[in-house]
Amino acid sequence: MTGSQKRKGDRAENEAATLLTRLLHRPIRRLLGAGRHDDHGDLTGIPGWAIQVADWTDLARAVRQKPLDAELQAAHHGDHTHGAALIRLRGGQWRVVMTPETWATLLATTLPPSREQGPPLPDKAPPSETPPFPPEQ
């Protein structure tokens, strides 16, 4: 990663932390030391969550890769149960991206019980696979 890419990533992480601090009314901060073996996300302050931040030119790649990276980090960190990515769009807009499994887990906690029974669920959902491409440089 070049110095300019690192600075761009640092700015995005700071901007995302400021945004979440404002929206959640709690202090959200950057985690330093990305790439360590015990790396568990780009931001801290949201219990149970591994959060990745991306400000990439290739948005499709960020949408495919970053939620999976966050879930992998959550799986390897005992205190985290969910992973999500904040993706910065052109013009400074942000989107939160997560896998359907994470979204369904969150939604299931807020939905009232259903009167209908859906199809049986497998004992365990298949694990998300890491993407077949290296991280953006």
C-alpha atoms as a PDB file:
ATOM      1  CA  MET A   1       0.000   0.000   0.000  1.00  0.00           C
ATOM      2  CA  THR A   2       1.387   3.395  -0.961  1.00  0.00           C
ATOM      3  CA  GLY A   3       1.526   6.352   1.393  1.00  0.00           C
ATOM      4  CA  SER A   4      -1.303   8.126  -0.419  1.00  0.00           C
ATOM      5  CA  GLN A   5      -3.539   5.021  -0.206  1.00  0.00           C
ATOM      6  CA  LYS A   6      -2.782   4.708   3.517  1.00  0.00           C
ATOM      7  CA  ARG A   7      -3.665   8.360   4.087  1.00  0.00           C
ATOM      8  CA  LYS A   8      -6.895   7.898   2.099  1.00  0.00           C
ATOM      9  CA  GLY A   9      -7.778   4.862   4.225  1.00  0.00           C
ATOM     10  CA  ASP A  10      -6.924   6.682   7.464  1.00  0.00           C
ATOM     11  CA  ARG A  11      -9.138   9.615   6.445  1.00  0.00           C
ATOM     12  CA  ALA A  12     -12.011   7.264   5.595  1.00  0.00           C
ATOM     13  CA  GLU A  13     -11.704   5.467   8.932  1.00  0.00           C
ATOM     14  CA  ASN A  14     -11.700   8.779  10.815  1.00  0.00           C
ATOM     15  CA  GLU A  15     -14.697   9.993   8.818  1.00  0.00           C
ATOM     16  CA  ALA A  16     -16.584   6.729   9.440  1.00  0.00           C
ATOM     17  CA  ALA A  17     -15.808   6.891  13.164  1.00  0.00           C
ATOM     18  CA  THR A  18     -17.117  10.468  13.318  1.00  0.00           C
ATOM     19  CA  LEU A  19     -20.274   9.503  11.433  1.00  0.00           C
ATOM     20  CA  LEU A  20     -21.012   6.528  13.701  1.00  0.00           C
ATOM     21  CA  THR A  21     -20.242   8.553  16.833  1.00  0.00           C
ATOM     22  CA  ARG A  22     -22.838  11.097  15.711  1.00  0.00           C
ATOM     23  CA  LEU A  23     -25.444   8.485  14.733  1.00  0.00           C
ATOM     24  CA  LEU A  24     -25.001   6.142  17.698  1.00  0.00           C
ATOM     25  CA  HIS A  25     -24.312   8.768  20.371  1.00  0.00           C
ATOM     26  CA  ARG A  26     -21.314   6.804  21.646  1.00  0.00           C
ATOM     27  CA  PRO A  27     -17.578   7.166  21.096  1.00  0.00           C
ATOM     28  CA  ILE A  28     -16.381   5.213  18.058  1.00  0.00           C
ATOM     29  CA  ARG A  29     -12.642   5.214  17.364  1.00  0.00           C
ATOM     30  CA  ARG A  30     -10.176   3.875  14.843  1.00  0.00           C
ATOM     31  CA  LEU A  31      -8.287   0.759  15.789  1.00  0.00           C
ATOM     32  CA  LEU A  32      -4.614   1.105  15.029  1.00  0.00           C
ATOM     33  CA  GLY A  33      -2.424  -1.718  13.792  1.00  0.00           C
ATOM     34  CA  ALA A  34      -4.304  -3.048  10.781  1.00  0.00           C
ATOM     35  CA  GLY A  35      -2.894  -6.285   9.433  1.00  0.00           C
ATOM     36  CA  ARG A  36      -1.867  -7.706  12.798  1.00  0.00           C
ATOM     37  CA  HIS A  37      -2.621 -11.370  13.425  1.00  0.00           C
ATOM     38  CA  ASP A  38      -5.180 -10.276  16.043  1.00  0.00           C
ATOM     39  CA  ASP A  39      -6.724  -7.576  13.837  1.00  0.00           C
ATOM     40  CA  HIS A  40     -10.448  -7.383  14.613  1.00  0.00           C
ATOM     41  CA  GLY A  41     -11.677  -4.497  12.509  1.00  0.00           C
ATOM     42  CA  ASP A  42     -11.015  -0.878  11.665  1.00  0.00           C
ATOM     43  CA  LEU A  43     -13.246   0.692  14.330  1.00  0.00           C
ATOM     44  CA  THR A  44     -13.946   0.074  18.003  1.00  0.00           C
ATOM     45  CA  GLY A  45     -16.801   1.136  20.270  1.00  0.00           C
ATOM     46  CA  ILE A  46     -19.621  -1.077  19.002  1.00  0.00           C
ATOM     47  CA  PRO A  47     -19.740  -4.139  21.256  1.00  0.00           C
ATOM     48  CA  GLY A  48     -20.031  -7.423  19.388  1.00  0.00           C
ATOM     49  CA  TRP A  49     -19.161  -5.969  15.978  1.00  0.00           C
ATOM     50  CA  ALA A  50     -16.112  -6.140  13.735  1.00  0.00           C
ATOM     51  CA  ILE A  51     -16.339  -3.124  11.436  1.00  0.00           C
ATOM     52  CA  GLN A  52     -14.322  -2.710   8.246  1.00  0.00           C
ATOM     53  CA  VAL A  53     -14.066   0.604   6.383  1.00  0.00           C
ATOM     54  CA  ALA A  54     -13.372   0.969   2.663  1.00  0.00           C
ATOM     55  CA  ASP A  55     -12.889   3.958   0.377  1.00  0.00           C
ATOM     56  CA  TRP A  56     -11.975   2.090  -2.781  1.00  0.00           C
ATOM     57  CA  THR A  57     -12.269   3.078  -6.405  1.00  0.00           C
ATOM     58  CA  ASP A  58     -13.596  -0.405  -7.181  1.00  0.00           C
ATOM     59  CA  LEU A  59     -16.858  -0.301  -5.209  1.00  0.00           C
ATOM     60  CA  ALA A  60     -18.018  -3.720  -6.395  1.00  0.00           C
ATOM     61  CA  ARG A  61     -14.848  -5.280  -5.053  1.00  0.00           C
ATOM     62  CA  ALA A  62     -15.238  -3.483  -1.708  1.00  0.00           C
ATOM     63  CA  VAL A  63     -18.865  -4.669  -1.438  1.00  0.00           C
ATOM     64  CA  ARG A  64     -17.807  -8.269  -2.158  1.00  0.00           C
ATOM     65  CA  GLN A  65     -14.712  -8.393   0.033  1.00  0.00           C
ATOM     66  CA  LYS A  66     -15.098  -6.126   3.063  1.00  0.00           C
ATOM     67  CA  PRO A  67     -18.208  -7.694   4.686  1.00  0.00           C
ATOM     68  CA  LEU A  68     -16.545 -11.111   4.418  1.00  0.00           C
ATOM     69  CA  ASP A  69     -13.335  -9.714   5.936  1.00  0.00           C
ATOM     70  CA  ALA A  70     -15.342  -8.255   8.822  1.00  0.00           C
ATOM     71  CA  GLU A  71     -17.170 -11.542   9.443  1.00  0.00           C
ATOM     72  CA  LEU A  72     -13.880 -13.445   9.388  1.00  0.00           C
ATOM     73  CA  GLN A  73     -12.451 -11.018  11.935  1.00  0.00           C
ATOM     74  CA  ALA A  74     -15.568 -11.372  14.106  1.00  0.00           C
ATOM     75  CA  ALA A  75     -15.280 -15.164  13.980  1.00  0.00           C
ATOM     76  CA  HIS A  76     -11.683 -15.008  15.209  1.00  0.00           C
ATOM     77  CA  HIS A  77     -12.396 -12.526  17.999  1.00  0.00           C
ATOM     78  CA  GLY A  78     -14.200 -13.998  20.985  1.00  0.00           C
ATOM     79  CA  ASP A  79     -16.187 -10.856  21.826  1.00  0.00           C
ATOM     80  CA  HIS A  80     -17.530 -10.227  18.318  1.00  0.00           C
ATOM     81  CA  THR A  81     -20.567 -11.937  16.842  1.00  0.00           C
ATOM     82  CA  HIS A  82     -21.249  -9.774  13.769  1.00  0.00           C
ATOM     83  CA  GLY A  83     -19.298  -8.182  10.948  1.00  0.00           C
ATOM     84  CA  ALA A  84     -20.179  -5.312   8.634  1.00  0.00           C
ATOM     85  CA  ALA A  85     -18.449  -2.883   6.312  1.00  0.00           C
ATOM     86  CA  LEU A  86     -18.842   0.850   5.865  1.00  0.00           C
ATOM     87  CA  ILE A  87     -18.233   1.648   2.204  1.00  0.00           C
ATOM     88  CA  ARG A  88     -17.588   5.258   1.185  1.00  0.00           C
ATOM     89  CA  LEU A  89     -19.210   6.280  -2.100  1.00  0.00           C
ATOM     90  CA  ARG A  90     -18.234   9.158  -4.346  1.00  0.00           C
ATOM     91  CA  GLY A  91     -19.391  12.438  -2.910  1.00  0.00           C
ATOM     92  CA  GLY A  92     -18.884  11.301   0.678  1.00  0.00           C
ATOM     93  CA  GLN A  93     -22.004   9.174   1.106  1.00  0.00           C
ATOM     94  CA  TRP A  94     -21.700   5.959   3.115  1.00  0.00           C
ATOM     95  CA  ARG A  95     -23.393   2.586   2.944  1.00  0.00           C
ATOM     96  CA  VAL A  96     -23.318  -0.237   5.472  1.00  0.00           C
ATOM     97  CA  VAL A  97     -22.867  -3.607   3.788  1.00  0.00           C
ATOM     98  CA  MET A  98     -23.281  -7.012   5.407  1.00  0.00           C
ATOM     99  CA  THR A  99     -23.893 -10.566   4.316  1.00  0.00           C
ATOM    100  CA  PRO A 100     -27.470 -11.853   4.092  1.00  0.00           C
ATOM    101  CA  GLU A 101     -26.724 -14.153   7.074  1.00  0.00           C
ATOM    102  CA  THR A 102     -25.775 -11.209   9.302  1.00  0.00           C
ATOM    103  CA  TRP A 103     -28.755  -9.183   8.136  1.00  0.00           C
ATOM    104  CA  ALA A 104     -31.126 -12.102   8.746  1.00  0.00           C
ATOM    105  CA  THR A 105     -29.699 -12.627  12.244  1.00  0.00           C
ATOM    106  CA  LEU A 106     -30.357  -8.978  13.095  1.00  0.00           C
ATOM    107  CA  LEU A 107     -33.779  -8.977  11.509  1.00  0.00           C
ATOM    108  CA  ALA A 108     -34.802 -12.147  13.343  1.00  0.00           C
ATOM    109  CA  THR A 109     -34.259 -10.380  16.677  1.00  0.00           C
ATOM    110  CA  THR A 110     -36.705  -7.611  15.759  1.00  0.00           C
ATOM    111  CA  LEU A 111     -39.460  -9.493  13.943  1.00  0.00           C
ATOM    112  CA  PRO A 112     -42.556 -10.715  15.764  1.00  0.00           C
ATOM    113  CA  PRO A 113     -43.047 -14.486  15.705  1.00  0.00           C
ATOM    114  CA  SER A 114     -44.505 -15.775  12.468  1.00  0.00           C
ATOM    115  CA  ARG A 115     -47.753 -17.737  12.350  1.00  0.00           C
ATOM    116  CA  GLU A 116     -46.473 -19.648   9.356  1.00  0.00           C
ATOM    117  CA  GLN A 117     -43.619 -22.059   9.457  1.00  0.00           C
ATOM    118  CA  GLY A 118     -41.088 -21.712   6.674  1.00  0.00           C
ATOM    119  CA  PRO A 119     -38.908 -24.449   5.239  1.00  0.00           C
ATOM    120  CA  PRO A 120     -36.597 -26.209   7.695  1.00  0.00           C
ATOM    121  CA  LEU A 121     -33.264 -24.516   8.212  1.00  0.00           C
ATOM    122  CA  PRO A 122     -29.982 -26.396   7.911  1.00  0.00           C
ATOM    123  CA  ASP A 123     -28.250 -27.137  11.206  1.00  0.00           C
ATOM    124  CA  LYS A 124     -25.565 -24.635  10.344  1.00  0.00           C
ATOM    125  CA  ALA A 125     -25.294 -22.125   7.518  1.00  0.00           C
ATOM    126  CA  PRO A 126     -22.306 -22.708   5.249  1.00  0.00           C
ATOM    127  CA  PRO A 127     -19.408 -20.441   6.213  1.00  0.00           C
ATOM    128  CA  SER A 128     -18.737 -17.437   4.049  1.00  0.00           C
ATOM    129  CA  GLU A 129     -15.768 -18.064   1.841  1.00  0.00           C
ATOM    130  CA  THR A 130     -12.965 -15.619   1.512  1.00  0.00           C
ATOM    131  CA  PRO A 131     -12.942 -14.008  -1.910  1.00  0.00           C
ATOM    132  CA  PRO A 132     -10.708 -15.541  -4.578  1.00  0.00           C
ATOM    133  CA  PHE A 133      -8.754 -12.323  -5.014  1.00  0.00           C
ATOM    134  CA  PRO A 134      -6.178 -10.482  -2.915  1.00  0.00           C
ATOM    135  CA  PRO A 135      -7.026  -7.272  -1.048  1.00  0.00           C
ATOM    136  CA  GLU A 136      -6.885  -4.036  -3.018  1.00  0.00           C
ATOM    137  CA  GLN A 137      -3.425  -2.517  -2.973  1.00  0.00           C
END
